[in-house]
Protein backbone atom coordinates (compact mmCIF):
# COMPACT_ATOMS: atom_id res chain seq x y z
CA GLN A 1 0.00 0.00 0.00
CA VAL A 2 1.39 3.37 -1.04
CA ARG A 3 0.84 6.16 1.45
CA LEU A 4 2.01 9.77 1.19
CA VAL A 5 1.53 12.11 4.14
CA GLU A 6 2.37 15.81 3.87
CA SER A 7 3.16 18.04 6.82
CA GLY A 8 4.74 21.40 7.57
CA GLY A 9 2.15 23.76 6.17
CA GLY A 10 0.90 26.76 8.07
CA LEU A 11 0.56 30.51 8.16
CA VAL A 12 3.60 32.67 7.44
CA GLN A 13 4.21 36.31 6.60
CA ALA A 14 5.45 37.36 3.19
CA GLY A 15 9.20 36.91 2.98
CA GLY A 16 9.18 34.06 5.45
CA SER A 17 10.04 30.39 5.02
CA LEU A 18 8.46 26.98 5.46
CA ARG A 19 9.65 23.45 4.89
CA LEU A 20 7.15 20.86 3.77
CA SER A 21 7.70 17.15 4.32
CA CYS A 22 6.20 14.14 2.60
CA ALA A 23 6.56 10.85 4.43
CA ALA A 24 6.13 7.87 2.15
CA SER A 25 5.60 4.18 2.70
CA GLY A 26 8.03 1.50 1.60
CA SER A 27 10.84 2.63 -0.67
CA ILE A 28 8.74 4.99 -2.76
CA VAL A 29 10.96 8.07 -2.41
CA SER A 30 14.23 6.34 -3.19
CA SER A 31 12.93 4.40 -6.18
CA ASN A 32 10.68 6.81 -8.07
CA SER A 33 10.26 10.32 -9.38
CA MET A 34 8.66 12.58 -6.79
CA GLY A 35 7.00 15.96 -7.08
CA TRP A 36 5.20 18.76 -5.33
CA TYR A 37 2.02 20.25 -6.76
CA ARG A 38 -0.20 23.02 -5.49
CA GLN A 39 -3.71 24.26 -6.03
CA ALA A 40 -4.91 27.73 -5.09
CA PRO A 41 -8.58 28.70 -4.83
CA GLY A 42 -10.04 29.20 -8.29
CA LYS A 43 -6.96 27.87 -10.04
CA GLN A 44 -5.99 24.54 -11.52
CA ARG A 45 -3.43 22.28 -9.92
CA GLU A 46 0.09 23.10 -11.04
CA LEU A 47 3.46 21.44 -10.81
CA VAL A 48 5.78 23.24 -8.40
CA ALA A 49 8.88 21.06 -8.40
CA VAL A 50 9.98 17.58 -9.39
CA SER A 51 12.80 15.38 -8.20
CA ASN A 52 13.54 12.90 -10.94
CA ASN A 53 14.65 9.37 -10.19
CA GLY A 54 18.04 10.09 -11.75
CA GLY A 55 18.67 12.97 -9.36
CA SER A 56 17.86 15.99 -11.51
CA THR A 57 15.28 18.58 -10.46
CA ASN A 58 12.87 20.90 -12.23
CA TYR A 59 10.94 23.90 -10.97
CA ALA A 60 8.06 26.05 -12.09
CA ASP A 61 9.25 29.46 -13.25
CA SER A 62 7.29 31.13 -10.47
CA VAL A 63 9.33 29.42 -7.74
CA LYS A 64 12.80 29.16 -9.26
CA GLY A 65 15.42 30.54 -6.93
CA ARG A 66 13.07 30.42 -3.94
CA PHE A 67 12.06 26.77 -3.54
CA THR A 68 14.25 23.68 -3.25
CA ILE A 69 13.07 20.10 -3.57
CA SER A 70 15.13 17.37 -1.94
CA ARG A 71 14.83 13.85 -0.66
CA ASP A 72 16.19 11.76 2.17
CA ASN A 73 16.17 8.21 0.87
CA ALA A 74 17.10 6.70 4.23
CA LYS A 75 14.03 8.29 5.80
CA ASN A 76 11.89 7.75 2.71
CA THR A 77 10.92 11.42 2.89
CA LEU A 78 10.57 14.20 0.32
CA TYR A 79 11.02 17.86 1.25
CA LEU A 80 10.18 21.24 -0.19
CA GLN A 81 12.09 24.17 1.29
CA MET A 82 10.21 27.37 0.54
CA ASN A 83 11.95 30.71 1.04
CA SER A 84 10.95 34.30 0.27
CA LEU A 85 7.31 33.31 0.31
CA LYS A 86 4.75 35.47 -1.43
CA PRO A 87 0.98 35.71 -1.02
CA ALA A 88 0.72 34.13 -4.49
CA ASP A 89 2.23 30.97 -3.01
CA THR A 90 -0.89 30.45 -0.91
CA ALA A 91 -2.33 27.06 -1.86
CA VAL A 92 -2.82 23.49 -0.80
CA TYR A 93 0.40 21.62 -1.52
CA TYR A 94 0.32 17.98 -2.57
CA CYS A 95 3.02 15.35 -2.65
CA ASN A 96 3.13 13.12 -5.72
CA ALA A 97 4.89 9.85 -6.45
CA ARG A 98 5.10 8.55 -10.00
CA VAL A 99 5.65 4.82 -10.10
CA ILE A 100 6.49 2.92 -13.27
CA PRO A 101 6.19 -0.75 -12.32
CA LYS A 102 6.90 -1.87 -15.88
CA ALA A 103 7.14 -0.46 -19.37
CA GLY A 104 3.93 1.21 -20.48
CA ILE A 105 2.43 1.47 -16.98
CA THR A 106 2.45 4.68 -14.92
CA TRP A 107 0.83 5.05 -11.52
CA ASP A 108 0.45 8.38 -9.71
CA TYR A 109 -0.04 8.49 -5.96
CA TRP A 110 -1.08 11.56 -3.97
CA GLY A 111 -1.03 12.74 -0.41
CA GLN A 112 -3.93 14.48 1.31
CA GLY A 113 -2.39 17.94 0.99
CA THR A 114 -1.18 20.57 3.43
CA GLN A 115 -2.32 24.19 3.52
CA VAL A 116 0.19 27.00 3.06
CA THR A 117 -1.06 30.52 3.68
CA VAL A 118 1.17 33.55 3.12
CA SER A 119 -0.05 36.86 4.49
CA SER A 120 0.91 40.23 3.05
């Protein structure tokens, strides 16, 4: 059973920082591509950052230079360090695991989300 549990969200003033964590079951983090998505009220879900299985990372243009995605394979945990937060970053943040059990098959797993609110 794949389980992803986000934590670390909260209320912070503009310019502040938060670190989100995603605790995963099994060896999900170490063996698969992982990502953070967010969804703000009235907007569609968007990709924030991805940590590819090979070690590379990608970021949305809106967060480049401010957010850092990382993983601790020993703890099977994914992180998102968020600095210089802006009110526009306010959203529910979701952890994603993309599992490819075999060629031609892709499974996406999601956490329950954690609320991040940035005040002006």
